[in-house]
Amino acid sequence: MNWLERWQRRRYEIARGADADLFADNARRYRWSLGLLAAGALLWWASERFQLAHALRVVTECLAGLLAITALILVRWANEQDRFLRKPGPEGPPSIIER
């Protein structure tokens, strides 16, 4: 079976609901990363908008950066998981006897 046939079979399996729980977990990872990125942007905006004490401003900006980095890690993880879930299975071993 060639790659195209295995890929089509995997798409058919996904459409029928195979690994639906893994796809739901992965969608949750995307939502979490978006929420963390939004929270980081909001913290950064708040530190820029309001006059904060220097120490509080540094803490706020560091926390915003940490949230943004965590969001980027989560979105990268979700992308890799999505690629893995959509990838067709490996080709079977060669056989001497034709079927």
PDB file of N, CA and C in Angstrom:
ATOM      1  N   MET A   1       0.857  -1.171   0.000  1.00  0.00           N
ATOM      2  CA  MET A   1       0.000   0.000   0.000  1.00  0.00           C
ATOM      3  C   MET A   1       0.906   1.237   0.000  1.00  0.00           C
ATOM      4  N   ASN A   2       0.643   2.165  -0.881  1.00  0.00           N
ATOM      5  CA  ASN A   2       1.489   3.345  -0.965  1.00  0.00           C
ATOM      6  C   ASN A   2       1.050   4.410   0.054  1.00  0.00           C
ATOM      7  N   TRP A   3       1.823   5.481   0.120  1.00  0.00           N
ATOM      8  CA  TRP A   3       1.598   6.518   1.110  1.00  0.00           C
ATOM      9  C   TRP A   3       0.228   7.171   0.942  1.00  0.00           C
ATOM     10  N   LEU A   4      -0.182   7.428  -0.292  1.00  0.00           N
ATOM     11  CA  LEU A   4      -1.459   8.099  -0.546  1.00  0.00           C
ATOM     12  C   LEU A   4      -2.633   7.264  -0.035  1.00  0.00           C
ATOM     13  N   GLU A   5      -2.587   5.978  -0.250  1.00  0.00           N
ATOM     14  CA  GLU A   5      -3.660   5.107   0.245  1.00  0.00           C
ATOM     15  C   GLU A   5      -3.707   5.091   1.775  1.00  0.00           C
ATOM     16  N   ARG A   6      -2.524   5.021   2.409  1.00  0.00           N
ATOM     17  CA  ARG A   6      -2.493   5.041   3.871  1.00  0.00           C
ATOM     18  C   ARG A   6      -2.995   6.374   4.417  1.00  0.00           C
ATOM     19  N   TRP A   7      -2.661   7.464   3.718  1.00  0.00           N
ATOM     20  CA  TRP A   7      -3.110   8.799   4.143  1.00  0.00           C
ATOM     21  C   TRP A   7      -4.627   8.918   4.013  1.00  0.00           C
ATOM     22  N   GLN A   8      -5.176   8.427   2.901  1.00  0.00           N
ATOM     23  CA  GLN A   8      -6.632   8.451   2.716  1.00  0.00           C
ATOM     24  C   GLN A   8      -7.332   7.594   3.756  1.00  0.00           C
ATOM     25  N   ARG A   9      -6.757   6.445   4.075  1.00  0.00           N
ATOM     26  CA  ARG A   9      -7.353   5.582   5.100  1.00  0.00           C
ATOM     27  C   ARG A   9      -7.346   6.291   6.461  1.00  0.00           C
ATOM     28  N   ARG A  10      -6.240   6.984   6.774  1.00  0.00           N
ATOM     29  CA  ARG A  10      -6.176   7.705   8.051  1.00  0.00           C
ATOM     30  C   ARG A  10      -7.209   8.827   8.099  1.00  0.00           C
ATOM     31  N   ARG A  11      -7.385   9.565   7.015  1.00  0.00           N
ATOM     32  CA  ARG A  11      -8.420  10.612   6.972  1.00  0.00           C
ATOM     33  C   ARG A  11      -9.803  10.028   7.175  1.00  0.00           C
ATOM     34  N   TYR A  12     -10.059   8.853   6.588  1.00  0.00           N
ATOM     35  CA  TYR A  12     -11.350   8.180   6.745  1.00  0.00           C
ATOM     36  C   TYR A  12     -11.548   7.761   8.203  1.00  0.00           C
ATOM     37  N   GLU A  13     -10.497   7.230   8.831  1.00  0.00           N
ATOM     38  CA  GLU A  13     -10.589   6.840  10.236  1.00  0.00           C
ATOM     39  C   GLU A  13     -10.878   8.038  11.130  1.00  0.00           C
ATOM     40  N   ILE A  14     -10.230   9.158  10.857  1.00  0.00           N
ATOM     41  CA  ILE A  14     -10.450  10.378  11.642  1.00  0.00           C
ATOM     42  C   ILE A  14     -11.882  10.862  11.466  1.00  0.00           C
ATOM     43  N   ALA A  15     -12.381  10.817  10.231  1.00  0.00           N
ATOM     44  CA  ALA A  15     -13.760  11.252   9.965  1.00  0.00           C
ATOM     45  C   ALA A  15     -14.770  10.369  10.689  1.00  0.00           C
ATOM     46  N   ARG A  16     -14.446   9.094  10.868  1.00  0.00           N
ATOM     47  CA  ARG A  16     -15.343   8.178  11.580  1.00  0.00           C
ATOM     48  C   ARG A  16     -15.221   8.301  13.094  1.00  0.00           C
ATOM     49  N   GLY A  17     -14.287   9.102  13.591  1.00  0.00           N
ATOM     50  CA  GLY A  17     -14.189   9.337  15.034  1.00  0.00           C
ATOM     51  C   GLY A  17     -13.045   8.635  15.723  1.00  0.00           C
ATOM     52  N   ALA A  18     -12.099   8.106  14.976  1.00  0.00           N
ATOM     53  CA  ALA A  18     -10.944   7.467  15.599  1.00  0.00           C
ATOM     54  C   ALA A  18     -10.106   8.516  16.319  1.00  0.00           C
ATOM     55  N   ASP A  19      -9.659   8.195  17.516  1.00  0.00           N
ATOM     56  CA  ASP A  19      -8.812   9.079  18.326  1.00  0.00           C
ATOM     57  C   ASP A  19      -9.498  10.410  18.640  1.00  0.00           C
ATOM     58  N   ALA A  20     -10.800  10.399  18.776  1.00  0.00           N
ATOM     59  CA  ALA A  20     -11.532  11.643  19.042  1.00  0.00           C
ATOM     60  C   ALA A  20     -11.114  12.253  20.373  1.00  0.00           C
ATOM     61  N   ASP A  21     -10.815  11.428  21.368  1.00  0.00           N
ATOM     62  CA  ASP A  21     -10.397  11.956  22.663  1.00  0.00           C
ATOM     63  C   ASP A  21      -9.041  12.650  22.568  1.00  0.00           C
ATOM     64  N   LEU A  22      -8.146  12.118  21.749  1.00  0.00           N
ATOM     65  CA  LEU A  22      -6.845  12.764  21.568  1.00  0.00           C
ATOM     66  C   LEU A  22      -6.978  14.091  20.832  1.00  0.00           C
ATOM     67  N   PHE A  23      -7.866  14.136  19.851  1.00  0.00           N
ATOM     68  CA  PHE A  23      -8.095  15.397  19.142  1.00  0.00           C
ATOM     69  C   PHE A  23      -8.732  16.432  20.071  1.00  0.00           C
ATOM     70  N   ALA A  24      -9.619  16.001  20.969  1.00  0.00           N
ATOM     71  CA  ALA A  24     -10.244  16.927  21.927  1.00  0.00           C
ATOM     72  C   ALA A  24      -9.206  17.466  22.907  1.00  0.00           C
ATOM     73  N   ASP A  25      -8.317  16.598  23.389  1.00  0.00           N
ATOM     74  CA  ASP A  25      -7.248  17.063  24.277  1.00  0.00           C
ATOM     75  C   ASP A  25      -6.345  18.058  23.571  1.00  0.00           C
ATOM     76  N   ASN A  26      -6.075  17.806  22.308  1.00  0.00           N
ATOM     77  CA  ASN A  26      -5.215  18.701  21.553  1.00  0.00           C
ATOM     78  C   ASN A  26      -5.891  20.054  21.324  1.00  0.00           C
ATOM     79  N   ALA A  27      -7.191  20.053  21.079  1.00  0.00           N
ATOM     80  CA  ALA A  27      -7.920  21.319  20.920  1.00  0.00           C
ATOM     81  C   ALA A  27      -7.900  22.099  22.230  1.00  0.00           C
ATOM     82  N   ARG A  28      -7.968  21.386  23.351  1.00  0.00           N
ATOM     83  CA  ARG A  28      -7.891  22.038  24.658  1.00  0.00           C
ATOM     84  C   ARG A  28      -6.520  22.705  24.844  1.00  0.00           C
ATOM     85  N   ARG A  29      -5.466  22.053  24.351  1.00  0.00           N
ATOM     86  CA  ARG A  29      -4.128  22.647  24.430  1.00  0.00           C
ATOM     87  C   ARG A  29      -4.064  23.949  23.627  1.00  0.00           C
ATOM     88  N   TYR A  30      -4.686  23.959  22.445  1.00  0.00           N
ATOM     89  CA  TYR A  30      -4.713  25.186  21.646  1.00  0.00           C
ATOM     90  C   TYR A  30      -5.449  26.305  22.399  1.00  0.00           C
ATOM     91  N   ARG A  31      -6.584  25.971  23.020  1.00  0.00           N
ATOM     92  CA  ARG A  31      -7.339  26.988  23.764  1.00  0.00           C
ATOM     93  C   ARG A  31      -6.550  27.511  24.960  1.00  0.00           C
ATOM     94  N   TRP A  32      -5.883  26.615  25.674  1.00  0.00           N
ATOM     95  CA  TRP A  32      -5.064  27.043  26.808  1.00  0.00           C
ATOM     96  C   TRP A  32      -3.950  27.979  26.347  1.00  0.00           C
ATOM     97  N   SER A  33      -3.297  27.646  25.260  1.00  0.00           N
ATOM     98  CA  SER A  33      -2.204  28.490  24.782  1.00  0.00           C
ATOM     99  C   SER A  33      -2.714  29.864  24.368  1.00  0.00           C
ATOM    100  N   LEU A  34      -3.883  29.914  23.758  1.00  0.00           N
ATOM    101  CA  LEU A  34      -4.459  31.200  23.387  1.00  0.00           C
ATOM    102  C   LEU A  34      -4.808  32.012  24.630  1.00  0.00           C
ATOM    103  N   GLY A  35      -5.374  31.356  25.645  1.00  0.00           N
ATOM    104  CA  GLY A  35      -5.700  32.047  26.894  1.00  0.00           C
ATOM    105  C   GLY A  35      -4.464  32.565  27.607  1.00  0.00           C
ATOM    106  N   LEU A  36      -3.400  31.761  27.652  1.00  0.00           N
ATOM    107  CA  LEU A  36      -2.162  32.198  28.291  1.00  0.00           C
ATOM    108  C   LEU A  36      -1.532  33.359  27.540  1.00  0.00           C
ATOM    109  N   LEU A  37      -1.583  33.302  26.227  1.00  0.00           N
ATOM    110  CA  LEU A  37      -1.035  34.404  25.432  1.00  0.00           C
ATOM    111  C   LEU A  37      -1.833  35.689  25.655  1.00  0.00           C
ATOM    112  N   ALA A  38      -3.153  35.577  25.727  1.00  0.00           N
ATOM    113  CA  ALA A  38      -3.995  36.746  25.979  1.00  0.00           C
ATOM    114  C   ALA A  38      -3.733  37.309  27.383  1.00  0.00           C
ATOM    115  N   ALA A  39      -3.577  36.423  28.376  1.00  0.00           N
ATOM    116  CA  ALA A  39      -3.290  36.887  29.734  1.00  0.00           C
ATOM    117  C   ALA A  39      -1.937  37.591  29.792  1.00  0.00           C
ATOM    118  N   GLY A  40      -0.951  37.051  29.092  1.00  0.00           N
ATOM    119  CA  GLY A  40       0.361  37.691  29.045  1.00  0.00           C
ATOM    120  C   GLY A  40       0.299  39.057  28.378  1.00  0.00           C
ATOM    121  N   ALA A  41      -0.447  39.149  27.289  1.00  0.00           N
ATOM    122  CA  ALA A  41      -0.589  40.439  26.602  1.00  0.00           C
ATOM    123  C   ALA A  41      -1.320  41.445  27.480  1.00  0.00           C
ATOM    124  N   LEU A  42      -2.334  40.978  28.198  1.00  0.00           N
ATOM    125  CA  LEU A  42      -3.070  41.864  29.101  1.00  0.00           C
ATOM    126  C   LEU A  42      -2.180  42.368  30.242  1.00  0.00           C
ATOM    127  N   LEU A  43      -1.370  41.491  30.796  1.00  0.00           N
ATOM    128  CA  LEU A  43      -0.444  41.917  31.855  1.00  0.00           C
ATOM    129  C   LEU A  43       0.576  42.913  31.327  1.00  0.00           C
ATOM    130  N   TRP A  44       1.104  42.639  30.149  1.00  0.00           N
ATOM    131  CA  TRP A  44       2.073  43.564  29.573  1.00  0.00           C
ATOM    132  C   TRP A  44       1.431  44.923  29.304  1.00  0.00           C
ATOM    133  N   TRP A  45       0.221  44.906  28.770  1.00  0.00           N
ATOM    134  CA  TRP A  45      -0.496  46.157  28.506  1.00  0.00           C
ATOM    135  C   TRP A  45      -0.752  46.916  29.802  1.00  0.00           C
ATOM    136  N   ALA A  46      -1.146  46.205  30.857  1.00  0.00           N
ATOM    137  CA  ALA A  46      -1.410  46.847  32.143  1.00  0.00           C
ATOM    138  C   ALA A  46      -0.143  47.462  32.715  1.00  0.00           C
ATOM    139  N   SER A  47       0.986  46.785  32.560  1.00  0.00           N
ATOM    140  CA  SER A  47       2.237  47.349  33.082  1.00  0.00           C
ATOM    141  C   SER A  47       2.656  48.580  32.297  1.00  0.00           C
ATOM    142  N   GLU A  48       2.312  48.644  31.030  1.00  0.00           N
ATOM    143  CA  GLU A  48       2.631  49.820  30.219  1.00  0.00           C
ATOM    144  C   GLU A  48       1.632  50.959  30.453  1.00  0.00           C
ATOM    145  N   ARG A  49       0.397  50.614  30.658  1.00  0.00           N
ATOM    146  CA  ARG A  49      -0.668  51.611  30.767  1.00  0.00           C
ATOM    147  C   ARG A  49      -0.672  52.344  32.100  1.00  0.00           C
ATOM    148  N   PHE A  50      -0.481  51.598  33.182  1.00  0.00           N
ATOM    149  CA  PHE A  50      -0.565  52.190  34.519  1.00  0.00           C
ATOM    150  C   PHE A  50       0.828  52.435  35.084  1.00  0.00           C
ATOM    151  N   GLN A  51       0.931  53.487  35.856  1.00  0.00           N
ATOM    152  CA  GLN A  51       2.193  53.813  36.513  1.00  0.00           C
ATOM    153  C   GLN A  51       2.361  52.897  37.723  1.00  0.00           C
ATOM    154  N   LEU A  52       3.216  51.913  37.592  1.00  0.00           N
ATOM    155  CA  LEU A  52       3.468  50.976  38.671  1.00  0.00           C
ATOM    156  C   LEU A  52       4.843  51.251  39.271  1.00  0.00           C
ATOM    157  N   ALA A  53       5.023  50.817  40.505  1.00  0.00           N
ATOM    158  CA  ALA A  53       6.352  50.899  41.107  1.00  0.00           C
ATOM    159  C   ALA A  53       7.302  50.039  40.290  1.00  0.00           C
ATOM    160  N   HIS A  54       8.576  50.390  40.324  1.00  0.00           N
ATOM    161  CA  HIS A  54       9.554  49.706  39.483  1.00  0.00           C
ATOM    162  C   HIS A  54       9.563  48.191  39.739  1.00  0.00           C
ATOM    163  N   ALA A  55       9.568  47.803  40.988  1.00  0.00           N
ATOM    164  CA  ALA A  55       9.616  46.374  41.316  1.00  0.00           C
ATOM    165  C   ALA A  55       8.364  45.652  40.807  1.00  0.00           C
ATOM    166  N   LEU A  56       7.210  46.274  40.997  1.00  0.00           N
ATOM    167  CA  LEU A  56       5.972  45.667  40.536  1.00  0.00           C
ATOM    168  C   LEU A  56       5.930  45.606  39.003  1.00  0.00           C
ATOM    169  N   ARG A  57       6.472  46.612  38.382  1.00  0.00           N
ATOM    170  CA  ARG A  57       6.504  46.623  36.916  1.00  0.00           C
ATOM    171  C   ARG A  57       7.400  45.510  36.377  1.00  0.00           C
ATOM    172  N   VAL A  58       8.543  45.304  37.011  1.00  0.00           N
ATOM    173  CA  VAL A  58       9.458  44.244  36.594  1.00  0.00           C
ATOM    174  C   VAL A  58       8.801  42.877  36.779  1.00  0.00           C
ATOM    175  N   VAL A  59       8.155  42.672  37.929  1.00  0.00           N
ATOM    176  CA  VAL A  59       7.479  41.401  38.198  1.00  0.00           C
ATOM    177  C   VAL A  59       6.369  41.166  37.174  1.00  0.00           C
ATOM    178  N   THR A  60       5.593  42.203  36.884  1.00  0.00           N
ATOM    179  CA  THR A  60       4.490  42.078  35.933  1.00  0.00           C
ATOM    180  C   THR A  60       5.003  41.745  34.532  1.00  0.00           C
ATOM    181  N   GLU A  61       6.046  42.403  34.102  1.00  0.00           N
ATOM    182  CA  GLU A  61       6.585  42.145  32.771  1.00  0.00           C
ATOM    183  C   GLU A  61       7.240  40.766  32.684  1.00  0.00           C
ATOM    184  N   CYS A  62       7.898  40.333  33.757  1.00  0.00           N
ATOM    185  CA  CYS A  62       8.477  38.983  33.767  1.00  0.00           C
ATOM    186  C   CYS A  62       7.376  37.922  33.720  1.00  0.00           C
ATOM    187  N   LEU A  63       6.311  38.148  34.470  1.00  0.00           N
ATOM    188  CA  LEU A  63       5.192  37.209  34.450  1.00  0.00           C
ATOM    189  C   LEU A  63       4.531  37.180  33.072  1.00  0.00           C
ATOM    190  N   ALA A  64       4.399  38.334  32.441  1.00  0.00           N
ATOM    191  CA  ALA A  64       3.826  38.390  31.090  1.00  0.00           C
ATOM    192  C   ALA A  64       4.711  37.629  30.108  1.00  0.00           C
ATOM    193  N   GLY A  65       6.015  37.782  30.223  1.00  0.00           N
ATOM    194  CA  GLY A  65       6.935  37.059  29.352  1.00  0.00           C
ATOM    195  C   GLY A  65       6.881  35.559  29.592  1.00  0.00           C
ATOM    196  N   LEU A  66       6.790  35.169  30.849  1.00  0.00           N
ATOM    197  CA  LEU A  66       6.690  33.750  31.187  1.00  0.00           C
ATOM    198  C   LEU A  66       5.406  33.136  30.634  1.00  0.00           C
ATOM    199  N   LEU A  67       4.299  33.875  30.737  1.00  0.00           N
ATOM    200  CA  LEU A  67       3.040  33.384  30.171  1.00  0.00           C
ATOM    201  C   LEU A  67       3.133  33.247  28.651  1.00  0.00           C
ATOM    202  N   ALA A  68       3.779  34.205  28.004  1.00  0.00           N
ATOM    203  CA  ALA A  68       3.914  34.148  26.546  1.00  0.00           C
ATOM    204  C   ALA A  68       4.789  32.969  26.124  1.00  0.00           C
ATOM    205  N   ILE A  69       5.875  32.727  26.842  1.00  0.00           N
ATOM    206  CA  ILE A  69       6.752  31.610  26.512  1.00  0.00           C
ATOM    207  C   ILE A  69       6.028  30.282  26.728  1.00  0.00           C
ATOM    208  N   THR A  70       5.281  30.180  27.823  1.00  0.00           N
ATOM    209  CA  THR A  70       4.505  28.967  28.083  1.00  0.00           C
ATOM    210  C   THR A  70       3.465  28.743  26.989  1.00  0.00           C
ATOM    211  N   ALA A  71       2.824  29.808  26.541  1.00  0.00           N
ATOM    212  CA  ALA A  71       1.836  29.696  25.463  1.00  0.00           C
ATOM    213  C   ALA A  71       2.495  29.209  24.176  1.00  0.00           C
ATOM    214  N   LEU A  72       3.678  29.710  23.871  1.00  0.00           N
ATOM    215  CA  LEU A  72       4.373  29.267  22.663  1.00  0.00           C
ATOM    216  C   LEU A  72       4.781  27.804  22.752  1.00  0.00           C
ATOM    217  N   ILE A  73       5.201  27.358  23.934  1.00  0.00           N
ATOM    218  CA  ILE A  73       5.539  25.945  24.115  1.00  0.00           C
ATOM    219  C   ILE A  73       4.301  25.075  23.929  1.00  0.00           C
ATOM    220  N   LEU A  74       3.183  25.501  24.519  1.00  0.00           N
ATOM    221  CA  LEU A  74       1.946  24.722  24.382  1.00  0.00           C
ATOM    222  C   LEU A  74       1.472  24.649  22.933  1.00  0.00           C
ATOM    223  N   VAL A  75       1.549  25.759  22.218  1.00  0.00           N
ATOM    224  CA  VAL A  75       1.080  25.742  20.823  1.00  0.00           C
ATOM    225  C   VAL A  75       2.016  24.893  19.968  1.00  0.00           C
ATOM    226  N   ARG A  76       3.295  24.889  20.274  1.00  0.00           N
ATOM    227  CA  ARG A  76       4.230  24.034  19.542  1.00  0.00           C
ATOM    228  C   ARG A  76       3.918  22.553  19.809  1.00  0.00           C
ATOM    229  N   TRP A  77       3.651  22.241  21.077  1.00  0.00           N
ATOM    230  CA  TRP A  77       3.292  20.874  21.462  1.00  0.00           C
ATOM    231  C   TRP A  77       2.017  20.437  20.741  1.00  0.00           C
ATOM    232  N   ALA A  78       1.022  21.328  20.708  1.00  0.00           N
ATOM    233  CA  ALA A  78      -0.238  21.007  20.042  1.00  0.00           C
ATOM    234  C   ALA A  78      -0.033  20.797  18.544  1.00  0.00           C
ATOM    235  N   ASN A  79       0.816  21.609  17.926  1.00  0.00           N
ATOM    236  CA  ASN A  79       1.095  21.441  16.498  1.00  0.00           C
ATOM    237  C   ASN A  79       1.749  20.093  16.214  1.00  0.00           C
ATOM    238  N   GLU A  80       2.734  19.732  17.030  1.00  0.00           N
ATOM    239  CA  GLU A  80       3.406  18.449  16.831  1.00  0.00           C
ATOM    240  C   GLU A  80       2.447  17.282  17.058  1.00  0.00           C
ATOM    241  N   GLN A  81       1.596  17.401  18.075  1.00  0.00           N
ATOM    242  CA  GLN A  81       0.615  16.351  18.346  1.00  0.00           C
ATOM    243  C   GLN A  81      -0.366  16.222  17.183  1.00  0.00           C
ATOM    244  N   ASP A  82      -0.780  17.347  16.621  1.00  0.00           N
ATOM    245  CA  ASP A  82      -1.706  17.323  15.495  1.00  0.00           C
ATOM    246  C   ASP A  82      -1.068  16.658  14.277  1.00  0.00           C
ATOM    247  N   ARG A  83       0.193  16.991  14.019  1.00  0.00           N
ATOM    248  CA  ARG A  83       0.892  16.348  12.900  1.00  0.00           C
ATOM    249  C   ARG A  83       0.999  14.846  13.108  1.00  0.00           C
ATOM    250  N   PHE A  84       1.289  14.433  14.348  1.00  0.00           N
ATOM    251  CA  PHE A  84       1.412  13.013  14.646  1.00  0.00           C
ATOM    252  C   PHE A  84       0.073  12.294  14.488  1.00  0.00           C
ATOM    253  N   LEU A  85      -1.007  12.920  14.963  1.00  0.00           N
ATOM    254  CA  LEU A  85      -2.317  12.280  14.890  1.00  0.00           C
ATOM    255  C   LEU A  85      -2.822  12.141  13.462  1.00  0.00           C
ATOM    256  N   ARG A  86      -2.460  13.058  12.595  1.00  0.00           N
ATOM    257  CA  ARG A  86      -2.938  13.028  11.217  1.00  0.00           C
ATOM    258  C   ARG A  86      -2.037  12.216  10.282  1.00  0.00           C
ATOM    259  N   LYS A  87      -0.854  11.860  10.759  1.00  0.00           N
ATOM    260  CA  LYS A  87       0.092  11.116   9.931  1.00  0.00           C
ATOM    261  C   LYS A  87      -0.407   9.689   9.727  1.00  0.00           C
ATOM    262  N   PRO A  88      -0.309   9.173   8.508  1.00  0.00           N
ATOM    263  CA  PRO A  88      -0.742   7.784   8.288  1.00  0.00           C
ATOM    264  C   PRO A  88       0.202   6.815   8.987  1.00  0.00           C
ATOM    265  N   GLY A  89      -0.306   5.635   9.262  1.00  0.00           N
ATOM    266  CA  GLY A  89       0.490   4.604   9.909  1.00  0.00           C
ATOM    267  C   GLY A  89       1.625   4.137   9.022  1.00  0.00           C
ATOM    268  N   PRO A  90       2.599   3.462   9.617  1.00  0.00           N
ATOM    269  CA  PRO A  90       3.729   2.999   8.809  1.00  0.00           C
ATOM    270  C   PRO A  90       3.319   1.876   7.860  1.00  0.00           C
ATOM    271  N   GLU A  91       4.078   1.745   6.833  1.00  0.00           N
ATOM    272  CA  GLU A  91       3.826   0.678   5.866  1.00  0.00           C
ATOM    273  C   GLU A  91       4.179  -0.658   6.507  1.00  0.00           C
ATOM    274  N   GLY A  92       3.418  -1.670   6.196  1.00  0.00           N
ATOM    275  CA  GLY A  92       3.677  -2.992   6.739  1.00  0.00           C
ATOM    276  C   GLY A  92       4.961  -3.581   6.193  1.00  0.00           C
ATOM    277  N   PRO A  93       5.440  -4.646   6.813  1.00  0.00           N
ATOM    278  CA  PRO A  93       6.666  -5.284   6.317  1.00  0.00           C
ATOM    279  C   PRO A  93       6.436  -5.933   4.960  1.00  0.00           C
ATOM    280  N   PRO A  94       7.465  -6.031   4.172  1.00  0.00           N
ATOM    281  CA  PRO A  94       7.296  -6.682   2.859  1.00  0.00           C
ATOM    282  C   PRO A  94       6.982  -8.160   3.019  1.00  0.00           C
ATOM    283  N   SER A  95       6.243  -8.678   2.074  1.00  0.00           N
ATOM    284  CA  SER A  95       5.841 -10.072   2.105  1.00  0.00           C
ATOM    285  C   SER A  95       6.335 -10.786   0.845  1.00  0.00           C
ATOM    286  N   ILE A  96       6.713 -12.003   1.034  1.00  0.00           N
ATOM    287  CA  ILE A  96       7.158 -12.805  -0.113  1.00  0.00           C
ATOM    288  C   ILE A  96       5.937 -13.265  -0.909  1.00  0.00           C
ATOM    289  N   ILE A  97       4.884 -13.583  -0.188  1.00  0.00           N
ATOM    290  CA  ILE A  97       3.660 -14.077  -0.827  1.00  0.00           C
ATOM    291  C   ILE A  97       2.758 -12.901  -1.175  1.00  0.00           C
ATOM    292  N   GLU A  98       2.386 -12.788  -2.424  1.00  0.00           N
ATOM    293  CA  GLU A  98       1.477 -11.722  -2.874  1.00  0.00           C
ATOM    294  C   GLU A  98       0.061 -12.032  -2.409  1.00  0.00           C
ATOM    295  N   ARG A  99      -0.694 -11.039  -2.054  1.00  0.00           N
ATOM    296  CA  ARG A  99      -2.088 -11.248  -1.639  1.00  0.00           C
ATOM    297  C   ARG A  99      -3.030 -10.829  -2.719  1.00  0.00           C
TER     298      ARG A  99
END
